Amino acid sequence: MAGRAVSLEGSRDEAVDLALMASAGLRSHGQVLQQLKSCAEHAPVSSSRLFGHLLAGKTTPSWHCHQVQDVIVALRERAPEESLRVIGEQALRLGCIPAADA
């Protein structure tokens, strides 16, 4: 669902709203982090909301902290402060300390 929400250009905000209603996490070999990084420039609010939700749903340490950091860097100057705070807290919780500091 997360990958589809990111890729829907005309109704991305509505798709993210739906995705936020369900429990979520990140798959080990999914492409959603790359998709979120790509969408950060033109859809920072919806991308940051979805990214925070996905990180919050992940229960094990992150296997791709470098990708988490890349998304944070892409969102840093664009996303709302509250979303960035949530993302940083979740990145820290998952052991992506450099990502939380990014």
PDB file of N, CA and C in Angstrom:
ATOM      1  N   MET A   1       0.815  -1.196   0.000  1.00  0.00           N
ATOM      2  CA  MET A   1       0.000   0.000   0.000  1.00  0.00           C
ATOM      3  C   MET A   1       0.860   1.263   0.000  1.00  0.00           C
ATOM      4  N   ALA A   2       1.952   1.250   0.763  1.00  0.00           N
ATOM      5  CA  ALA A   2       2.799   2.439   0.868  1.00  0.00           C
ATOM      6  C   ALA A   2       3.399   2.803  -0.487  1.00  0.00           C
ATOM      7  N   GLY A   3       3.880   1.815  -1.208  1.00  0.00           N
ATOM      8  CA  GLY A   3       4.455   2.077  -2.521  1.00  0.00           C
ATOM      9  C   GLY A   3       3.448   2.660  -3.483  1.00  0.00           C
ATOM     10  N   ARG A   4       2.247   2.184  -3.423  1.00  0.00           N
ATOM     11  CA  ARG A   4       1.199   2.722  -4.291  1.00  0.00           C
ATOM     12  C   ARG A   4       0.828   4.139  -3.883  1.00  0.00           C
ATOM     13  N   ALA A   5       0.773   4.392  -2.582  1.00  0.00           N
ATOM     14  CA  ALA A   5       0.425   5.733  -2.106  1.00  0.00           C
ATOM     15  C   ALA A   5       1.435   6.761  -2.602  1.00  0.00           C
ATOM     16  N   VAL A   6       2.701   6.407  -2.599  1.00  0.00           N
ATOM     17  CA  VAL A   6       3.747   7.318  -3.043  1.00  0.00           C
ATOM     18  C   VAL A   6       3.658   7.571  -4.537  1.00  0.00           C
ATOM     19  N   SER A   7       3.321   6.556  -5.302  1.00  0.00           N
ATOM     20  CA  SER A   7       3.347   6.687  -6.762  1.00  0.00           C
ATOM     21  C   SER A   7       2.103   7.333  -7.355  1.00  0.00           C
ATOM     22  N   LEU A   8       1.055   7.524  -6.584  1.00  0.00           N
ATOM     23  CA  LEU A   8      -0.164   8.143  -7.103  1.00  0.00           C
ATOM     24  C   LEU A   8      -0.025   9.661  -7.093  1.00  0.00           C
ATOM     25  N   GLU A   9       0.191  10.240  -8.238  1.00  0.00           N
ATOM     26  CA  GLU A   9       0.433  11.679  -8.286  1.00  0.00           C
ATOM     27  C   GLU A   9      -0.820  12.507  -8.078  1.00  0.00           C
ATOM     28  N   GLY A  10      -1.901  12.169  -8.722  1.00  0.00           N
ATOM     29  CA  GLY A  10      -3.106  12.983  -8.647  1.00  0.00           C
ATOM     30  C   GLY A  10      -3.859  12.871  -7.334  1.00  0.00           C
ATOM     31  N   SER A  11      -3.699  11.772  -6.648  1.00  0.00           N
ATOM     32  CA  SER A  11      -4.441  11.570  -5.389  1.00  0.00           C
ATOM     33  C   SER A  11      -3.522  11.070  -4.272  1.00  0.00           C
ATOM     34  N   ARG A  12      -2.277  11.530  -4.281  1.00  0.00           N
ATOM     35  CA  ARG A  12      -1.284  11.080  -3.303  1.00  0.00           C
ATOM     36  C   ARG A  12      -1.722  11.386  -1.869  1.00  0.00           C
ATOM     37  N   ASP A  13      -2.224  12.588  -1.623  1.00  0.00           N
ATOM     38  CA  ASP A  13      -2.622  12.948  -0.254  1.00  0.00           C
ATOM     39  C   ASP A  13      -3.720  12.036   0.278  1.00  0.00           C
ATOM     40  N   GLU A  14      -4.694  11.735  -0.563  1.00  0.00           N
ATOM     41  CA  GLU A  14      -5.776  10.845  -0.149  1.00  0.00           C
ATOM     42  C   GLU A  14      -5.258   9.431   0.081  1.00  0.00           C
ATOM     43  N   ALA A  15      -4.353   8.982  -0.772  1.00  0.00           N
ATOM     44  CA  ALA A  15      -3.773   7.642  -0.618  1.00  0.00           C
ATOM     45  C   ALA A  15      -2.951   7.552   0.665  1.00  0.00           C
ATOM     46  N   VAL A  16      -2.215   8.596   0.990  1.00  0.00           N
ATOM     47  CA  VAL A  16      -1.442   8.607   2.235  1.00  0.00           C
ATOM     48  C   VAL A  16      -2.392   8.603   3.431  1.00  0.00           C
ATOM     49  N   ASP A  17      -3.469   9.364   3.356  1.00  0.00           N
ATOM     50  CA  ASP A  17      -4.462   9.346   4.445  1.00  0.00           C
ATOM     51  C   ASP A  17      -4.970   7.932   4.685  1.00  0.00           C
ATOM     52  N   LEU A  18      -5.262   7.202   3.615  1.00  0.00           N
ATOM     53  CA  LEU A  18      -5.713   5.811   3.755  1.00  0.00           C
ATOM     54  C   LEU A  18      -4.616   4.924   4.334  1.00  0.00           C
ATOM     55  N   ALA A  19      -3.398   5.107   3.872  1.00  0.00           N
ATOM     56  CA  ALA A  19      -2.282   4.299   4.370  1.00  0.00           C
ATOM     57  C   ALA A  19      -2.053   4.534   5.859  1.00  0.00           C
ATOM     58  N   LEU A  20      -2.268   5.746   6.322  1.00  0.00           N
ATOM     59  CA  LEU A  20      -2.065   6.071   7.733  1.00  0.00           C
ATOM     60  C   LEU A  20      -3.106   5.418   8.636  1.00  0.00           C
ATOM     61  N   MET A  21      -4.206   4.974   8.069  1.00  0.00           N
ATOM     62  CA  MET A  21      -5.255   4.311   8.854  1.00  0.00           C
ATOM     63  C   MET A  21      -4.915   2.858   9.170  1.00  0.00           C
ATOM     64  N   ALA A  22      -3.961   2.304   8.481  1.00  0.00           N
ATOM     65  CA  ALA A  22      -3.602   0.891   8.662  1.00  0.00           C
ATOM     66  C   ALA A  22      -2.224   0.795   9.313  1.00  0.00           C
ATOM     67  N   SER A  23      -1.988  -0.316   9.982  1.00  0.00           N
ATOM     68  CA  SER A  23      -0.651  -0.530  10.517  1.00  0.00           C
ATOM     69  C   SER A  23       0.291  -0.746   9.333  1.00  0.00           C
ATOM     70  N   ALA A  24       1.529  -0.334   9.498  1.00  0.00           N
ATOM     71  CA  ALA A  24       2.471  -0.416   8.389  1.00  0.00           C
ATOM     72  C   ALA A  24       3.883  -0.579   8.909  1.00  0.00           C
ATOM     73  N   GLY A  25       4.760  -0.921   8.030  1.00  0.00           N
ATOM     74  CA  GLY A  25       6.177  -1.046   8.323  1.00  0.00           C
ATOM     75  C   GLY A  25       6.927  -1.074   7.008  1.00  0.00           C
ATOM     76  N   LEU A  26       8.206  -1.332   7.097  1.00  0.00           N
ATOM     77  CA  LEU A  26       9.035  -1.392   5.901  1.00  0.00           C
ATOM     78  C   LEU A  26       9.460  -2.824   5.642  1.00  0.00           C
ATOM     79  N   ARG A  27       9.359  -3.239   4.399  1.00  0.00           N
ATOM     80  CA  ARG A  27       9.816  -4.584   4.019  1.00  0.00           C
ATOM     81  C   ARG A  27      11.315  -4.572   3.763  1.00  0.00           C
ATOM     82  N   SER A  28      11.920  -5.711   4.000  1.00  0.00           N
ATOM     83  CA  SER A  28      13.376  -5.820   3.847  1.00  0.00           C
ATOM     84  C   SER A  28      13.864  -5.476   2.455  1.00  0.00           C
ATOM     85  N   HIS A  29      13.131  -5.827   1.442  1.00  0.00           N
ATOM     86  CA  HIS A  29      13.617  -5.607   0.085  1.00  0.00           C
ATOM     87  C   HIS A  29      12.658  -4.750  -0.743  1.00  0.00           C
ATOM     88  N   GLY A  30      11.915  -3.895  -0.084  1.00  0.00           N
ATOM     89  CA  GLY A  30      10.984  -3.036  -0.795  1.00  0.00           C
ATOM     90  C   GLY A  30      11.673  -1.815  -1.394  1.00  0.00           C
ATOM     91  N   GLN A  31      10.970  -1.133  -2.242  1.00  0.00           N
ATOM     92  CA  GLN A  31      11.492   0.047  -2.935  1.00  0.00           C
ATOM     93  C   GLN A  31      10.918   1.355  -2.400  1.00  0.00           C
ATOM     94  N   VAL A  32      10.126   1.281  -1.342  1.00  0.00           N
ATOM     95  CA  VAL A  32       9.396   2.463  -0.901  1.00  0.00           C
ATOM     96  C   VAL A  32      10.328   3.579  -0.422  1.00  0.00           C
ATOM     97  N   LEU A  33      11.470   3.252   0.171  1.00  0.00           N
ATOM     98  CA  LEU A  33      12.383   4.312   0.603  1.00  0.00           C
ATOM     99  C   LEU A  33      12.919   5.089  -0.597  1.00  0.00           C
ATOM    100  N   GLN A  34      13.226   4.398  -1.664  1.00  0.00           N
ATOM    101  CA  GLN A  34      13.683   5.076  -2.880  1.00  0.00           C
ATOM    102  C   GLN A  34      12.565   5.924  -3.472  1.00  0.00           C
ATOM    103  N   GLN A  35      11.342   5.408  -3.419  1.00  0.00           N
ATOM    104  CA  GLN A  35      10.204   6.170  -3.932  1.00  0.00           C
ATOM    105  C   GLN A  35       9.962   7.418  -3.090  1.00  0.00           C
ATOM    106  N   LEU A  36      10.076   7.281  -1.770  1.00  0.00           N
ATOM    107  CA  LEU A  36       9.878   8.436  -0.892  1.00  0.00           C
ATOM    108  C   LEU A  36      10.940   9.502  -1.147  1.00  0.00           C
ATOM    109  N   LYS A  37      12.167   9.090  -1.332  1.00  0.00           N
ATOM    110  CA  LYS A  37      13.237  10.044  -1.628  1.00  0.00           C
ATOM    111  C   LYS A  37      12.931  10.796  -2.922  1.00  0.00           C
ATOM    112  N   SER A  38      12.452  10.087  -3.923  1.00  0.00           N
ATOM    113  CA  SER A  38      12.121  10.713  -5.201  1.00  0.00           C
ATOM    114  C   SER A  38      10.961  11.696  -5.075  1.00  0.00           C
ATOM    115  N   CYS A  39      10.009  11.391  -4.226  1.00  0.00           N
ATOM    116  CA  CYS A  39       8.825  12.241  -4.069  1.00  0.00           C
ATOM    117  C   CYS A  39       9.039  13.399  -3.107  1.00  0.00           C
ATOM    118  N   ALA A  40      10.129  13.388  -2.357  1.00  0.00           N
ATOM    119  CA  ALA A  40      10.347  14.397  -1.326  1.00  0.00           C
ATOM    120  C   ALA A  40      10.334  15.823  -1.872  1.00  0.00           C
ATOM    121  N   GLU A  41      10.861  16.017  -3.062  1.00  0.00           N
ATOM    122  CA  GLU A  41      10.956  17.364  -3.612  1.00  0.00           C
ATOM    123  C   GLU A  41       9.595  17.950  -3.976  1.00  0.00           C
ATOM    124  N   HIS A  42       8.744  17.168  -4.631  1.00  0.00           N
ATOM    125  CA  HIS A  42       7.476  17.715  -5.102  1.00  0.00           C
ATOM    126  C   HIS A  42       6.288  17.367  -4.208  1.00  0.00           C
ATOM    127  N   ALA A  43       6.462  16.505  -3.220  1.00  0.00           N
ATOM    128  CA  ALA A  43       5.368  16.163  -2.300  1.00  0.00           C
ATOM    129  C   ALA A  43       5.924  15.934  -0.892  1.00  0.00           C
ATOM    130  N   PRO A  44       6.569  16.957  -0.304  1.00  0.00           N
ATOM    131  CA  PRO A  44       7.237  16.754   0.978  1.00  0.00           C
ATOM    132  C   PRO A  44       6.290  16.480   2.145  1.00  0.00           C
ATOM    133  N   VAL A  45       5.125  17.068   2.147  1.00  0.00           N
ATOM    134  CA  VAL A  45       4.218  16.885   3.283  1.00  0.00           C
ATOM    135  C   VAL A  45       3.684  15.457   3.319  1.00  0.00           C
ATOM    136  N   SER A  46       3.138  14.988   2.216  1.00  0.00           N
ATOM    137  CA  SER A  46       2.607  13.622   2.206  1.00  0.00           C
ATOM    138  C   SER A  46       3.726  12.597   2.344  1.00  0.00           C
ATOM    139  N   SER A  47       4.875  12.852   1.727  1.00  0.00           N
ATOM    140  CA  SER A  47       6.005  11.919   1.837  1.00  0.00           C
ATOM    141  C   SER A  47       6.485  11.808   3.280  1.00  0.00           C
ATOM    142  N   SER A  48       6.589  12.928   3.961  1.00  0.00           N
ATOM    143  CA  SER A  48       7.071  12.896   5.344  1.00  0.00           C
ATOM    144  C   SER A  48       6.058  12.241   6.277  1.00  0.00           C
ATOM    145  N   ARG A  49       4.788  12.461   6.042  1.00  0.00           N
ATOM    146  CA  ARG A  49       3.761  11.812   6.873  1.00  0.00           C
ATOM    147  C   ARG A  49       3.826  10.297   6.720  1.00  0.00           C
ATOM    148  N   LEU A  50       3.920   9.840   5.486  1.00  0.00           N
ATOM    149  CA  LEU A  50       3.978   8.405   5.224  1.00  0.00           C
ATOM    150  C   LEU A  50       5.284   7.802   5.753  1.00  0.00           C
ATOM    151  N   PHE A  51       6.387   8.489   5.567  1.00  0.00           N
ATOM    152  CA  PHE A  51       7.676   8.002   6.032  1.00  0.00           C
ATOM    153  C   PHE A  51       7.683   7.824   7.550  1.00  0.00           C
ATOM    154  N   GLY A  52       7.173   8.808   8.274  1.00  0.00           N
ATOM    155  CA  GLY A  52       7.091   8.693   9.735  1.00  0.00           C
ATOM    156  C   GLY A  52       6.235   7.518  10.162  1.00  0.00           C
ATOM    157  N   HIS A  53       5.136   7.311   9.476  1.00  0.00           N
ATOM    158  CA  HIS A  53       4.222   6.201   9.780  1.00  0.00           C
ATOM    159  C   HIS A  53       4.897   4.854   9.522  1.00  0.00           C
ATOM    160  N   LEU A  54       5.599   4.750   8.424  1.00  0.00           N
ATOM    161  CA  LEU A  54       6.283   3.496   8.098  1.00  0.00           C
ATOM    162  C   LEU A  54       7.395   3.188   9.095  1.00  0.00           C
ATOM    163  N   LEU A  55       8.154   4.206   9.486  1.00  0.00           N
ATOM    164  CA  LEU A  55       9.207   3.984  10.474  1.00  0.00           C
ATOM    165  C   LEU A  55       8.616   3.590  11.820  1.00  0.00           C
ATOM    166  N   ALA A  56       7.505   4.212  12.196  1.00  0.00           N
ATOM    167  CA  ALA A  56       6.867   3.894  13.475  1.00  0.00           C
ATOM    168  C   ALA A  56       6.361   2.455  13.502  1.00  0.00           C
ATOM    169  N   GLY A  57       6.001   1.920  12.354  1.00  0.00           N
ATOM    170  CA  GLY A  57       5.497   0.555  12.278  1.00  0.00           C
ATOM    171  C   GLY A  57       6.573  -0.499  12.210  1.00  0.00           C
ATOM    172  N   LYS A  58       7.806  -0.096  12.083  1.00  0.00           N
ATOM    173  CA  LYS A  58       8.923  -1.048  12.007  1.00  0.00           C
ATOM    174  C   LYS A  58       9.367  -1.389  13.422  1.00  0.00           C
ATOM    175  N   THR A  59       9.483  -2.677  13.695  1.00  0.00           N
ATOM    176  CA  THR A  59       9.810  -3.096  15.057  1.00  0.00           C
ATOM    177  C   THR A  59      11.245  -3.558  15.227  1.00  0.00           C
ATOM    178  N   THR A  60      11.920  -3.881  14.179  1.00  0.00           N
ATOM    179  CA  THR A  60      13.300  -4.345  14.287  1.00  0.00           C
ATOM    180  C   THR A  60      14.247  -3.247  13.819  1.00  0.00           C
ATOM    181  N   PRO A  61      15.495  -3.310  14.209  1.00  0.00           N
ATOM    182  CA  PRO A  61      16.444  -2.295  13.740  1.00  0.00           C
ATOM    183  C   PRO A  61      16.458  -2.225  12.219  1.00  0.00           C
ATOM    184  N   SER A  62      16.729  -1.049  11.736  1.00  0.00           N
ATOM    185  CA  SER A  62      16.691  -0.846  10.287  1.00  0.00           C
ATOM    186  C   SER A  62      17.889  -1.475   9.603  1.00  0.00           C
ATOM    187  N   TRP A  63      17.617  -2.158   8.519  1.00  0.00           N
ATOM    188  CA  TRP A  63      18.625  -2.814   7.701  1.00  0.00           C
ATOM    189  C   TRP A  63      19.180  -1.860   6.673  1.00  0.00           C
ATOM    190  N   HIS A  64      18.545  -0.714   6.494  1.00  0.00           N
ATOM    191  CA  HIS A  64      18.986   0.245   5.476  1.00  0.00           C
ATOM    192  C   HIS A  64      19.052   1.655   6.046  1.00  0.00           C
ATOM    193  N   CYS A  65      19.829   1.819   7.099  1.00  0.00           N
ATOM    194  CA  CYS A  65      19.917   3.154   7.696  1.00  0.00           C
ATOM    195  C   CYS A  65      20.396   4.196   6.696  1.00  0.00           C
ATOM    196  N   HIS A  66      21.250   3.806   5.776  1.00  0.00           N
ATOM    197  CA  HIS A  66      21.729   4.776   4.789  1.00  0.00           C
ATOM    198  C   HIS A  66      20.583   5.285   3.914  1.00  0.00           C
ATOM    199  N   GLN A  67      19.624   4.425   3.594  1.00  0.00           N
ATOM    200  CA  GLN A  67      18.470   4.871   2.801  1.00  0.00           C
ATOM    201  C   GLN A  67      17.549   5.751   3.646  1.00  0.00           C
ATOM    202  N   VAL A  68      17.395   5.400   4.926  1.00  0.00           N
ATOM    203  CA  VAL A  68      16.601   6.240   5.825  1.00  0.00           C
ATOM    204  C   VAL A  68      17.228   7.629   5.880  1.00  0.00           C
ATOM    205  N   GLN A  69      18.530   7.688   6.012  1.00  0.00           N
ATOM    206  CA  GLN A  69      19.230   8.966   6.052  1.00  0.00           C
ATOM    207  C   GLN A  69      19.039   9.739   4.750  1.00  0.00           C
ATOM    208  N   ASP A  70      19.094   9.063   3.622  1.00  0.00           N
ATOM    209  CA  ASP A  70      18.890   9.731   2.328  1.00  0.00           C
ATOM    210  C   ASP A  70      17.514  10.384   2.247  1.00  0.00           C
ATOM    211  N   VAL A  71      16.496   9.696   2.733  1.00  0.00           N
ATOM    212  CA  VAL A  71      15.141  10.259   2.703  1.00  0.00           C
ATOM    213  C   VAL A  71      15.059  11.466   3.638  1.00  0.00           C
ATOM    214  N   ILE A  72      15.664  11.354   4.819  1.00  0.00           N
ATOM    215  CA  ILE A  72      15.651  12.480   5.758  1.00  0.00           C
ATOM    216  C   ILE A  72      16.326  13.697   5.141  1.00  0.00           C
ATOM    217  N   VAL A  73      17.454  13.497   4.509  1.00  0.00           N
ATOM    218  CA  VAL A  73      18.161  14.614   3.871  1.00  0.00           C
ATOM    219  C   VAL A  73      17.287  15.235   2.779  1.00  0.00           C
ATOM    220  N   ALA A  74      16.607  14.415   2.007  1.00  0.00           N
ATOM    221  CA  ALA A  74      15.733  14.922   0.939  1.00  0.00           C
ATOM    222  C   ALA A  74      14.561  15.722   1.495  1.00  0.00           C
ATOM    223  N   LEU A  75      14.092  15.339   2.682  1.00  0.00           N
ATOM    224  CA  LEU A  75      12.941  16.008   3.289  1.00  0.00           C
ATOM    225  C   LEU A  75      13.326  17.197   4.170  1.00  0.00           C
ATOM    226  N   ARG A  76      14.552  17.267   4.596  1.00  0.00           N
ATOM    227  CA  ARG A  76      14.980  18.200   5.645  1.00  0.00           C
ATOM    228  C   ARG A  76      14.519  19.635   5.441  1.00  0.00           C
ATOM    229  N   GLU A  77      14.689  20.177   4.289  1.00  0.00           N
ATOM    230  CA  GLU A  77      14.340  21.583   4.040  1.00  0.00           C
ATOM    231  C   GLU A  77      12.907  21.774   3.547  1.00  0.00           C
ATOM    232  N   ARG A  78      12.180  20.680   3.371  1.00  0.00           N
ATOM    233  CA  ARG A  78      10.869  20.779   2.735  1.00  0.00           C
ATOM    234  C   ARG A  78       9.701  20.377   3.623  1.00  0.00           C
ATOM    235  N   ALA A  79       9.916  19.415   4.501  1.00  0.00           N
ATOM    236  CA  ALA A  79       8.827  18.836   5.277  1.00  0.00           C
ATOM    237  C   ALA A  79       8.529  19.671   6.523  1.00  0.00           C
ATOM    238  N   PRO A  80       7.311  19.552   7.037  1.00  0.00           N
ATOM    239  CA  PRO A  80       6.957  20.257   8.269  1.00  0.00           C
ATOM    240  C   PRO A  80       7.827  19.791   9.436  1.00  0.00           C
ATOM    241  N   GLU A  81       8.114  20.707  10.337  1.00  0.00           N
ATOM    242  CA  GLU A  81       8.972  20.423  11.488  1.00  0.00           C
ATOM    243  C   GLU A  81       8.460  19.257  12.325  1.00  0.00           C
ATOM    244  N   GLU A  82       7.162  19.187  12.547  1.00  0.00           N
ATOM    245  CA  GLU A  82       6.595  18.101  13.357  1.00  0.00           C
ATOM    246  C   GLU A  82       6.844  16.740  12.702  1.00  0.00           C
ATOM    247  N   SER A  83       6.692  16.659  11.405  1.00  0.00           N
ATOM    248  CA  SER A  83       6.957  15.402  10.701  1.00  0.00           C
ATOM    249  C   SER A  83       8.422  15.021  10.827  1.00  0.00           C
ATOM    250  N   LEU A  84       9.308  15.991  10.703  1.00  0.00           N
ATOM    251  CA  LEU A  84      10.738  15.711  10.820  1.00  0.00           C
ATOM    252  C   LEU A  84      11.096  15.244  12.228  1.00  0.00           C
ATOM    253  N   ARG A  85      10.429  15.790  13.237  1.00  0.00           N
ATOM    254  CA  ARG A  85      10.660  15.366  14.615  1.00  0.00           C
ATOM    255  C   ARG A  85      10.278  13.908  14.793  1.00  0.00           C
ATOM    256  N   VAL A  86       9.113  13.530  14.290  1.00  0.00           N
ATOM    257  CA  VAL A  86       8.644  12.141  14.378  1.00  0.00           C
ATOM    258  C   VAL A  86       9.609  11.209  13.640  1.00  0.00           C
ATOM    259  N   ILE A  87      10.010  11.605  12.459  1.00  0.00           N
ATOM    260  CA  ILE A  87      10.926  10.786  11.664  1.00  0.00           C
ATOM    261  C   ILE A  87      12.251  10.606  12.405  1.00  0.00           C
ATOM    262  N   GLY A  88      12.790  11.684  12.961  1.00  0.00           N
ATOM    263  CA  GLY A  88      14.043  11.603  13.703  1.00  0.00           C
ATOM    264  C   GLY A  88      13.942  10.697  14.914  1.00  0.00           C
ATOM    265  N   GLU A  89      12.829  10.795  15.641  1.00  0.00           N
ATOM    266  CA  GLU A  89      12.631   9.931  16.811  1.00  0.00           C
ATOM    267  C   GLU A  89      12.568   8.465  16.411  1.00  0.00           C
ATOM    268  N   GLN A  90      11.870   8.183  15.337  1.00  0.00           N
ATOM    269  CA  GLN A  90      11.739   6.797  14.888  1.00  0.00           C
ATOM    270  C   GLN A  90      13.069   6.265  14.354  1.00  0.00           C
ATOM    271  N   ALA A  91      13.812   7.089  13.650  1.00  0.00           N
ATOM    272  CA  ALA A  91      15.119   6.673  13.141  1.00  0.00           C
ATOM    273  C   ALA A  91      16.058   6.359  14.303  1.00  0.00           C
ATOM    274  N   LEU A  92      16.014   7.162  15.333  1.00  0.00           N
ATOM    275  CA  LEU A  92      16.831   6.916  16.516  1.00  0.00           C
ATOM    276  C   LEU A  92      16.415   5.615  17.191  1.00  0.00           C
ATOM    277  N   ARG A  93      15.117   5.393  17.328  1.00  0.00           N
ATOM    278  CA  ARG A  93      14.600   4.171  17.942  1.00  0.00           C
ATOM    279  C   ARG A  93      15.056   2.929  17.182  1.00  0.00           C
ATOM    280  N   LEU A  94      15.164   3.032  15.877  1.00  0.00           N
ATOM    281  CA  LEU A  94      15.554   1.891  15.044  1.00  0.00           C
ATOM    282  C   LEU A  94      17.067   1.702  14.947  1.00  0.00           C
ATOM    283  N   GLY A  95      17.801   2.546  15.609  1.00  0.00           N
ATOM    284  CA  GLY A  95      19.249   2.410  15.582  1.00  0.00           C
ATOM    285  C   GLY A  95      19.920   3.144  14.444  1.00  0.00           C
ATOM    286  N   CYS A  96      19.199   4.009  13.799  1.00  0.00           N
ATOM    287  CA  CYS A  96      19.760   4.805  12.699  1.00  0.00           C
ATOM    288  C   CYS A  96      20.191   6.160  13.255  1.00  0.00           C
ATOM    289  N   ILE A  97      21.094   6.133  14.195  1.00  0.00           N
ATOM    290  CA  ILE A  97      21.504   7.360  14.885  1.00  0.00           C
ATOM    291  C   ILE A  97      22.020   8.409  13.914  1.00  0.00           C
ATOM    292  N   PRO A  98      22.875   8.068  12.951  1.00  0.00           N
ATOM    293  CA  PRO A  98      23.290   9.097  12.006  1.00  0.00           C
ATOM    294  C   PRO A  98      22.100   9.684  11.228  1.00  0.00           C
ATOM    295  N   ALA A  99      21.105   8.848  10.933  1.00  0.00           N
ATOM    296  CA  ALA A  99      19.922   9.340  10.221  1.00  0.00           C
ATOM    297  C   ALA A  99      19.158  10.327  11.088  1.00  0.00           C
ATOM    298  N   ALA A 100      19.048  10.047  12.372  1.00  0.00           N
ATOM    299  CA  ALA A 100      18.320  10.950  13.270  1.00  0.00           C
ATOM    300  C   ALA A 100      19.026  12.287  13.390  1.00  0.00           C
ATOM    301  N   ASP A 101      20.339  12.288  13.233  1.00  0.00           N
ATOM    302  CA  ASP A 101      21.114  13.510  13.332  1.00  0.00           C
ATOM    303  C   ASP A 101      21.162  14.272  12.015  1.00  0.00           C
ATOM    304  N   ALA A 102      20.732  13.626  10.937  1.00  0.00           N
ATOM    305  CA  ALA A 102      20.847  14.222   9.604  1.00  0.00           C
ATOM    306  C   ALA A 102      19.988  15.470   9.469  1.00  0.00           C
TER     307      ALA A 102
END
